Amino acid sequence: MSVLARITVNPAQCGGRPCIRGMRIRVKDILDLLAAGVSTETILQDYPYLEKEDIQAALEFAAAESDHVMLRAG
Protein backbone atom coordinates (compact mmCIF):
# COMPACT_ATOMS: atom_id res chain seq x y z
CA MET A 1 0.00 0.00 0.00
CA SER A 2 1.31 3.43 -0.93
CA VAL A 3 1.88 5.91 1.87
CA LEU A 4 -0.27 8.32 -0.13
CA ALA A 5 -3.30 6.32 1.01
CA ARG A 6 -2.71 7.99 4.39
CA ILE A 7 -3.74 11.35 2.92
CA THR A 8 -7.46 12.00 3.17
CA VAL A 9 -9.59 14.82 1.84
CA ASN A 10 -12.99 15.44 3.38
CA PRO A 11 -14.93 18.58 2.40
CA ALA A 12 -16.44 18.67 5.91
CA GLN A 13 -13.06 18.62 7.65
CA CYS A 14 -10.40 21.36 7.70
CA GLY A 15 -12.07 23.12 4.78
CA GLY A 16 -11.41 20.18 2.48
CA ARG A 17 -7.65 20.48 2.88
CA PRO A 18 -5.56 17.29 2.72
CA CYS A 19 -5.20 15.70 6.17
CA ILE A 20 -3.45 12.72 7.67
CA ARG A 21 -5.58 9.58 8.09
CA GLY A 22 -8.81 11.47 8.65
CA MET A 23 -7.39 13.35 11.64
CA ARG A 24 -7.49 17.11 11.95
CA ILE A 25 -3.81 17.52 11.22
CA ARG A 26 -3.25 18.88 7.76
CA VAL A 27 -0.46 17.98 5.38
CA LYS A 28 0.47 21.66 5.51
CA ASP A 29 0.89 21.49 9.29
CA ILE A 30 3.51 18.77 8.93
CA LEU A 31 5.23 20.56 6.05
CA ASP A 32 5.34 23.82 8.05
CA LEU A 33 6.97 22.03 10.97
CA LEU A 34 9.57 20.42 8.73
CA ALA A 35 10.25 23.72 6.95
CA ALA A 36 10.81 25.35 10.34
CA GLY A 37 13.53 22.81 11.05
CA VAL A 38 11.60 20.58 13.43
CA SER A 39 12.93 17.03 13.19
CA THR A 40 10.79 14.02 12.37
CA GLU A 41 11.59 12.62 15.80
CA THR A 42 10.37 15.78 17.54
CA ILE A 43 7.17 15.85 15.49
CA LEU A 44 6.48 12.24 16.44
CA GLN A 45 7.11 13.03 20.11
CA ASP A 46 4.88 16.12 20.05
CA TYR A 47 2.12 14.35 18.11
CA PRO A 48 2.13 10.76 19.42
CA TYR A 49 -0.83 9.77 17.26
CA LEU A 50 1.27 10.36 14.13
CA GLU A 51 3.48 7.69 12.61
CA LYS A 52 6.69 8.06 10.62
CA GLU A 53 4.80 6.97 7.49
CA ASP A 54 2.42 9.92 7.96
CA ILE A 55 5.32 12.35 7.62
CA GLN A 56 6.61 10.48 4.59
CA ALA A 57 3.12 10.63 3.07
CA ALA A 58 2.95 14.41 3.60
CA LEU A 59 6.28 14.85 1.81
CA GLU A 60 5.31 12.53 -1.02
CA PHE A 61 1.96 14.28 -1.41
CA ALA A 62 3.63 17.70 -1.55
CA ALA A 63 6.11 16.48 -4.15
CA ALA A 64 3.33 15.09 -6.33
CA GLU A 65 1.22 18.23 -5.99
CA SER A 66 4.10 20.49 -7.00
CA ASP A 67 4.67 18.60 -10.25
CA HIS A 68 2.25 20.46 -12.52
CA VAL A 69 2.95 21.75 -15.99
CA MET A 70 3.03 25.55 -16.06
CA LEU A 71 1.66 27.15 -19.20
CA ARG A 72 2.54 30.72 -20.07
CA ALA A 73 0.62 33.01 -22.34
CA GLY A 74 2.95 34.20 -25.01
PDB file of N, CA and C in Angstrom:
ATOM      1  N   MET A   1       0.840  -1.180   0.000  1.00  0.00           N
ATOM      2  CA  MET A   1       0.000   0.000   0.000  1.00  0.00           C
ATOM      3  C   MET A   1       0.886   1.245   0.000  1.00  0.00           C
ATOM      4  N   SER A   2       0.557   2.181  -0.845  1.00  0.00           N
ATOM      5  CA  SER A   2       1.306   3.430  -0.930  1.00  0.00           C
ATOM      6  C   SER A   2       1.047   4.280   0.308  1.00  0.00           C
ATOM      7  N   VAL A   3       2.076   5.004   0.733  1.00  0.00           N
ATOM      8  CA  VAL A   3       1.881   5.905   1.870  1.00  0.00           C
ATOM      9  C   VAL A   3       0.893   7.017   1.534  1.00  0.00           C
ATOM     10  N   LEU A   4       0.687   7.283   0.256  1.00  0.00           N
ATOM     11  CA  LEU A   4      -0.271   8.323  -0.131  1.00  0.00           C
ATOM     12  C   LEU A   4      -1.696   7.982   0.281  1.00  0.00           C
ATOM     13  N   ALA A   5      -1.970   6.712   0.535  1.00  0.00           N
ATOM     14  CA  ALA A   5      -3.299   6.315   1.011  1.00  0.00           C
ATOM     15  C   ALA A   5      -3.577   6.899   2.391  1.00  0.00           C
ATOM     16  N   ARG A   6      -2.553   7.374   3.079  1.00  0.00           N
ATOM     17  CA  ARG A   6      -2.707   7.989   4.393  1.00  0.00           C
ATOM     18  C   ARG A   6      -3.257   9.411   4.292  1.00  0.00           C
ATOM     19  N   ILE A   7      -3.234   9.992   3.122  1.00  0.00           N
ATOM     20  CA  ILE A   7      -3.739  11.349   2.922  1.00  0.00           C
ATOM     21  C   ILE A   7      -5.227  11.269   2.599  1.00  0.00           C
ATOM     22  N   THR A   8      -6.015  11.997   3.377  1.00  0.00           N
ATOM     23  CA  THR A   8      -7.459  12.004   3.168  1.00  0.00           C
ATOM     24  C   THR A   8      -7.927  13.426   2.905  1.00  0.00           C
ATOM     25  N   VAL A   9      -8.983  13.530   2.124  1.00  0.00           N
ATOM     26  CA  VAL A   9      -9.594  14.824   1.843  1.00  0.00           C
ATOM     27  C   VAL A   9     -11.089  14.676   2.097  1.00  0.00           C
ATOM     28  N   ASN A  10     -11.587  15.470   3.021  1.00  0.00           N
ATOM     29  CA  ASN A  10     -12.993  15.439   3.385  1.00  0.00           C
ATOM     30  C   ASN A  10     -13.495  16.876   3.364  1.00  0.00           C
ATOM     31  N   PRO A  11     -14.445  17.189   2.482  1.00  0.00           N
ATOM     32  CA  PRO A  11     -14.927  18.575   2.397  1.00  0.00           C
ATOM     33  C   PRO A  11     -15.467  19.118   3.724  1.00  0.00           C
ATOM     34  N   ALA A  12     -15.888  18.243   4.625  1.00  0.00           N
ATOM     35  CA  ALA A  12     -16.445  18.675   5.906  1.00  0.00           C
ATOM     36  C   ALA A  12     -15.386  18.803   7.005  1.00  0.00           C
ATOM     37  N   GLN A  13     -14.127  18.584   6.650  1.00  0.00           N
ATOM     38  CA  GLN A  13     -13.059  18.618   7.647  1.00  0.00           C
ATOM     39  C   GLN A  13     -11.932  19.525   7.164  1.00  0.00           C
ATOM     40  N   CYS A  14     -11.516  20.445   8.001  1.00  0.00           N
ATOM     41  CA  CYS A  14     -10.398  21.358   7.695  1.00  0.00           C
ATOM     42  C   CYS A  14     -10.569  22.057   6.354  1.00  0.00           C
ATOM     43  N   GLY A  15     -11.806  22.406   6.029  1.00  0.00           N
ATOM     44  CA  GLY A  15     -12.070  23.123   4.781  1.00  0.00           C
ATOM     45  C   GLY A  15     -11.734  22.334   3.527  1.00  0.00           C
ATOM     46  N   GLY A  16     -11.716  21.014   3.637  1.00  0.00           N
ATOM     47  CA  GLY A  16     -11.413  20.176   2.483  1.00  0.00           C
ATOM     48  C   GLY A  16      -9.930  20.057   2.186  1.00  0.00           C
ATOM     49  N   ARG A  17      -9.103  20.559   3.089  1.00  0.00           N
ATOM     50  CA  ARG A  17      -7.649  20.479   2.875  1.00  0.00           C
ATOM     51  C   ARG A  17      -7.162  19.062   3.167  1.00  0.00           C
ATOM     52  N   PRO A  18      -6.104  18.636   2.498  1.00  0.00           N
ATOM     53  CA  PRO A  18      -5.557  17.293   2.725  1.00  0.00           C
ATOM     54  C   PRO A  18      -5.103  17.107   4.169  1.00  0.00           C
ATOM     55  N   CYS A  19      -5.526  16.016   4.779  1.00  0.00           N
ATOM     56  CA  CYS A  19      -5.199  15.700   6.169  1.00  0.00           C
ATOM     57  C   CYS A  19      -4.552  14.319   6.247  1.00  0.00           C
ATOM     58  N   ILE A  20      -4.079  14.006   7.428  1.00  0.00           N
ATOM     59  CA  ILE A  20      -3.455  12.718   7.670  1.00  0.00           C
ATOM     60  C   ILE A  20      -4.477  11.766   8.287  1.00  0.00           C
ATOM     61  N   ARG A  21      -4.728  10.671   7.616  1.00  0.00           N
ATOM     62  CA  ARG A  21      -5.579   9.579   8.087  1.00  0.00           C
ATOM     63  C   ARG A  21      -6.878  10.031   8.729  1.00  0.00           C
ATOM     64  N   GLY A  22      -7.525  11.021   8.152  1.00  0.00           N
ATOM     65  CA  GLY A  22      -8.811  11.467   8.653  1.00  0.00           C
ATOM     66  C   GLY A  22      -8.743  12.277   9.937  1.00  0.00           C
ATOM     67  N   MET A  23      -7.551  12.540  10.429  1.00  0.00           N
ATOM     68  CA  MET A  23      -7.392  13.355  11.636  1.00  0.00           C
ATOM     69  C   MET A  23      -7.385  14.826  11.240  1.00  0.00           C
ATOM     70  N   ARG A  24      -7.488  15.675  12.215  1.00  0.00           N
ATOM     71  CA  ARG A  24      -7.490  17.113  11.954  1.00  0.00           C
ATOM     72  C   ARG A  24      -6.081  17.693  11.968  1.00  0.00           C
ATOM     73  N   ILE A  25      -5.154  16.964  11.436  1.00  0.00           N
ATOM     74  CA  ILE A  25      -3.814  17.515  11.223  1.00  0.00           C
ATOM     75  C   ILE A  25      -3.577  17.517   9.721  1.00  0.00           C
ATOM     76  N   ARG A  26      -3.371  18.715   9.210  1.00  0.00           N
ATOM     77  CA  ARG A  26      -3.251  18.883   7.764  1.00  0.00           C
ATOM     78  C   ARG A  26      -1.840  18.546   7.276  1.00  0.00           C
ATOM     79  N   VAL A  27      -1.761  18.190   6.018  1.00  0.00           N
ATOM     80  CA  VAL A  27      -0.464  17.976   5.379  1.00  0.00           C
ATOM     81  C   VAL A  27       0.375  19.238   5.547  1.00  0.00           C
ATOM     82  N   LYS A  28      -0.240  20.388   5.370  1.00  0.00           N
ATOM     83  CA  LYS A  28       0.468  21.659   5.505  1.00  0.00           C
ATOM     84  C   LYS A  28       1.059  21.834   6.899  1.00  0.00           C
ATOM     85  N   ASP A  29       0.362  21.377   7.930  1.00  0.00           N
ATOM     86  CA  ASP A  29       0.888  21.495   9.294  1.00  0.00           C
ATOM     87  C   ASP A  29       2.217  20.761   9.419  1.00  0.00           C
ATOM     88  N   ILE A  30       2.271  19.562   8.875  1.00  0.00           N
ATOM     89  CA  ILE A  30       3.507  18.770   8.926  1.00  0.00           C
ATOM     90  C   ILE A  30       4.598  19.437   8.096  1.00  0.00           C
ATOM     91  N   LEU A  31       4.242  19.907   6.910  1.00  0.00           N
ATOM     92  CA  LEU A  31       5.230  20.564   6.051  1.00  0.00           C
ATOM     93  C   LEU A  31       5.767  21.840   6.700  1.00  0.00           C
ATOM     94  N   ASP A  32       4.896  22.600   7.355  1.00  0.00           N
ATOM     95  CA  ASP A  32       5.338  23.819   8.046  1.00  0.00           C
ATOM     96  C   ASP A  32       6.331  23.485   9.155  1.00  0.00           C
ATOM     97  N   LEU A  33       6.053  22.433   9.904  1.00  0.00           N
ATOM     98  CA  LEU A  33       6.967  22.029  10.969  1.00  0.00           C
ATOM     99  C   LEU A  33       8.332  21.641  10.402  1.00  0.00           C
ATOM    100  N   LEU A  34       8.315  20.839   9.345  1.00  0.00           N
ATOM    101  CA  LEU A  34       9.573  20.415   8.726  1.00  0.00           C
ATOM    102  C   LEU A  34      10.334  21.610   8.161  1.00  0.00           C
ATOM    103  N   ALA A  35       9.614  22.538   7.526  1.00  0.00           N
ATOM    104  CA  ALA A  35      10.249  23.725   6.953  1.00  0.00           C
ATOM    105  C   ALA A  35      10.863  24.610   8.032  1.00  0.00           C
ATOM    106  N   ALA A  36      10.289  24.569   9.231  1.00  0.00           N
ATOM    107  CA  ALA A  36      10.813  25.350  10.344  1.00  0.00           C
ATOM    108  C   ALA A  36      11.999  24.671  11.018  1.00  0.00           C
ATOM    109  N   GLY A  37      12.368  23.502  10.507  1.00  0.00           N
ATOM    110  CA  GLY A  37      13.535  22.814  11.047  1.00  0.00           C
ATOM    111  C   GLY A  37      13.236  21.823  12.150  1.00  0.00           C
ATOM    112  N   VAL A  38      11.954  21.557  12.403  1.00  0.00           N
ATOM    113  CA  VAL A  38      11.595  20.579  13.429  1.00  0.00           C
ATOM    114  C   VAL A  38      11.891  19.180  12.881  1.00  0.00           C
ATOM    115  N   SER A  39      12.558  18.367  13.652  1.00  0.00           N
ATOM    116  CA  SER A  39      12.934  17.026  13.193  1.00  0.00           C
ATOM    117  C   SER A  39      11.728  16.090  13.202  1.00  0.00           C
ATOM    118  N   THR A  40      11.820  15.054  12.394  1.00  0.00           N
ATOM    119  CA  THR A  40      10.788  14.021  12.370  1.00  0.00           C
ATOM    120  C   THR A  40      10.586  13.442  13.761  1.00  0.00           C
ATOM    121  N   GLU A  41      11.675  13.199  14.468  1.00  0.00           N
ATOM    122  CA  GLU A  41      11.591  12.621  15.803  1.00  0.00           C
ATOM    123  C   GLU A  41      10.825  13.532  16.760  1.00  0.00           C
ATOM    124  N   THR A  42      11.070  14.831  16.675  1.00  0.00           N
ATOM    125  CA  THR A  42      10.369  15.782  17.537  1.00  0.00           C
ATOM    126  C   THR A  42       8.883  15.843  17.191  1.00  0.00           C
ATOM    127  N   ILE A  43       8.574  15.844  15.905  1.00  0.00           N
ATOM    128  CA  ILE A  43       7.169  15.850  15.488  1.00  0.00           C
ATOM    129  C   ILE A  43       6.457  14.618  16.053  1.00  0.00           C
ATOM    130  N   LEU A  44       7.096  13.473  15.947  1.00  0.00           N
ATOM    131  CA  LEU A  44       6.481  12.238  16.439  1.00  0.00           C
ATOM    132  C   LEU A  44       6.325  12.252  17.960  1.00  0.00           C
ATOM    133  N   GLN A  45       7.235  12.906  18.652  1.00  0.00           N
ATOM    134  CA  GLN A  45       7.111  13.035  20.110  1.00  0.00           C
ATOM    135  C   GLN A  45       5.979  13.996  20.480  1.00  0.00           C
ATOM    136  N   ASP A  46       5.890  15.103  19.751  1.00  0.00           N
ATOM    137  CA  ASP A  46       4.882  16.119  20.051  1.00  0.00           C
ATOM    138  C   ASP A  46       3.476  15.695  19.622  1.00  0.00           C
ATOM    139  N   TYR A  47       3.398  14.836  18.632  1.00  0.00           N
ATOM    140  CA  TYR A  47       2.118  14.347  18.108  1.00  0.00           C
ATOM    141  C   TYR A  47       2.153  12.818  18.128  1.00  0.00           C
ATOM    142  N   PRO A  48       1.952  12.213  19.283  1.00  0.00           N
ATOM    143  CA  PRO A  48       2.133  10.760  19.424  1.00  0.00           C
ATOM    144  C   PRO A  48       1.178   9.915  18.592  1.00  0.00           C
ATOM    145  N   TYR A  49       0.106  10.508  18.094  1.00  0.00           N
ATOM    146  CA  TYR A  49      -0.831   9.772  17.255  1.00  0.00           C
ATOM    147  C   TYR A  49      -0.358   9.702  15.803  1.00  0.00           C
ATOM    148  N   LEU A  50       0.693  10.448  15.466  1.00  0.00           N
ATOM    149  CA  LEU A  50       1.274  10.364  14.128  1.00  0.00           C
ATOM    150  C   LEU A  50       2.289   9.230  14.067  1.00  0.00           C
ATOM    151  N   GLU A  51       2.483   8.722  12.872  1.00  0.00           N
ATOM    152  CA  GLU A  51       3.476   7.686  12.612  1.00  0.00           C
ATOM    153  C   GLU A  51       4.466   8.208  11.585  1.00  0.00           C
ATOM    154  N   LYS A  52       5.637   7.626  11.560  1.00  0.00           N
ATOM    155  CA  LYS A  52       6.686   8.057  10.625  1.00  0.00           C
ATOM    156  C   LYS A  52       6.174   8.046   9.181  1.00  0.00           C
ATOM    157  N   GLU A  53       5.357   7.069   8.849  1.00  0.00           N
ATOM    158  CA  GLU A  53       4.804   6.971   7.487  1.00  0.00           C
ATOM    159  C   GLU A  53       3.880   8.143   7.169  1.00  0.00           C
ATOM    160  N   ASP A  54       3.261   8.747   8.179  1.00  0.00           N
ATOM    161  CA  ASP A  54       2.419   9.923   7.955  1.00  0.00           C
ATOM    162  C   ASP A  54       3.255  11.096   7.462  1.00  0.00           C
ATOM    163  N   ILE A  55       4.434  11.266   8.042  1.00  0.00           N
ATOM    164  CA  ILE A  55       5.320  12.351   7.621  1.00  0.00           C
ATOM    165  C   ILE A  55       5.832  12.087   6.215  1.00  0.00           C
ATOM    166  N   GLN A  56       6.182  10.844   5.934  1.00  0.00           N
ATOM    167  CA  GLN A  56       6.610  10.477   4.586  1.00  0.00           C
ATOM    168  C   GLN A  56       5.487  10.733   3.578  1.00  0.00           C
ATOM    169  N   ALA A  57       4.263  10.410   3.963  1.00  0.00           N
ATOM    170  CA  ALA A  57       3.119  10.628   3.074  1.00  0.00           C
ATOM    171  C   ALA A  57       2.928  12.118   2.785  1.00  0.00           C
ATOM    172  N   ALA A  58       3.091  12.959   3.800  1.00  0.00           N
ATOM    173  CA  ALA A  58       2.955  14.405   3.601  1.00  0.00           C
ATOM    174  C   ALA A  58       3.994  14.919   2.607  1.00  0.00           C
ATOM    175  N   LEU A  59       5.221  14.442   2.740  1.00  0.00           N
ATOM    176  CA  LEU A  59       6.280  14.852   1.811  1.00  0.00           C
ATOM    177  C   LEU A  59       6.014  14.349   0.397  1.00  0.00           C
ATOM    178  N   GLU A  60       5.595  13.102   0.295  1.00  0.00           N
ATOM    179  CA  GLU A  60       5.314  12.527  -1.020  1.00  0.00           C
ATOM    180  C   GLU A  60       4.135  13.249  -1.684  1.00  0.00           C
ATOM    181  N   PHE A  61       3.124  13.561  -0.896  1.00  0.00           N
ATOM    182  CA  PHE A  61       1.959  14.284  -1.406  1.00  0.00           C
ATOM    183  C   PHE A  61       2.368  15.658  -1.926  1.00  0.00           C
ATOM    184  N   ALA A  62       3.176  16.369  -1.148  1.00  0.00           N
ATOM    185  CA  ALA A  62       3.629  17.703  -1.550  1.00  0.00           C
ATOM    186  C   ALA A  62       4.454  17.634  -2.837  1.00  0.00           C
ATOM    187  N   ALA A  63       5.296  16.634  -2.940  1.00  0.00           N
ATOM    188  CA  ALA A  63       6.112  16.480  -4.153  1.00  0.00           C
ATOM    189  C   ALA A  63       5.226  16.235  -5.363  1.00  0.00           C
ATOM    190  N   ALA A  64       4.235  15.390  -5.209  1.00  0.00           N
ATOM    191  CA  ALA A  64       3.330  15.086  -6.325  1.00  0.00           C
ATOM    192  C   ALA A  64       2.500  16.309  -6.709  1.00  0.00           C
ATOM    193  N   GLU A  65       2.050  17.053  -5.722  1.00  0.00           N
ATOM    194  CA  GLU A  65       1.225  18.232  -5.986  1.00  0.00           C
ATOM    195  C   GLU A  65       2.009  19.363  -6.644  1.00  0.00           C
ATOM    196  N   SER A  66       3.300  19.406  -6.431  1.00  0.00           N
ATOM    197  CA  SER A  66       4.102  20.493  -6.999  1.00  0.00           C
ATOM    198  C   SER A  66       4.548  20.194  -8.426  1.00  0.00           C
ATOM    199  N   ASP A  67       4.227  19.022  -8.922  1.00  0.00           N
ATOM    200  CA  ASP A  67       4.672  18.604 -10.253  1.00  0.00           C
ATOM    201  C   ASP A  67       3.579  18.833 -11.291  1.00  0.00           C
ATOM    202  N   HIS A  68       3.263  20.106 -11.530  1.00  0.00           N
ATOM    203  CA  HIS A  68       2.247  20.460 -12.522  1.00  0.00           C
ATOM    204  C   HIS A  68       2.905  21.253 -13.644  1.00  0.00           C
ATOM    205  N   VAL A  69       2.453  21.011 -14.834  1.00  0.00           N
ATOM    206  CA  VAL A  69       2.950  21.754 -15.993  1.00  0.00           C
ATOM    207  C   VAL A  69       2.468  23.203 -15.879  1.00  0.00           C
ATOM    208  N   MET A  70       3.370  24.121 -16.100  1.00  0.00           N
ATOM    209  CA  MET A  70       3.027  25.547 -16.063  1.00  0.00           C
ATOM    210  C   MET A  70       2.967  26.066 -17.491  1.00  0.00           C
ATOM    211  N   LEU A  71       1.823  26.592 -17.875  1.00  0.00           N
ATOM    212  CA  LEU A  71       1.657  27.145 -19.202  1.00  0.00           C
ATOM    213  C   LEU A  71       1.712  28.661 -19.111  1.00  0.00           C
ATOM    214  N   ARG A  72       2.408  29.257 -20.054  1.00  0.00           N
ATOM    215  CA  ARG A  72       2.536  30.720 -20.074  1.00  0.00           C
ATOM    216  C   ARG A  72       1.903  31.264 -21.343  1.00  0.00           C
ATOM    217  N   ALA A  73       1.193  32.333 -21.177  1.00  0.00           N
ATOM    218  CA  ALA A  73       0.624  33.012 -22.341  1.00  0.00           C
ATOM    219  C   ALA A  73       1.754  33.750 -23.042  1.00  0.00           C
ATOM    220  N   GLY A  74       1.828  33.611 -24.307  1.00  0.00           N
ATOM    221  CA  GLY A  74       2.947  34.199 -25.010  1.00  0.00           C
ATOM    222  C   GLY A  74       2.651  35.474 -25.601  1.00  0.00           C
TER     223      GLY A  74
END
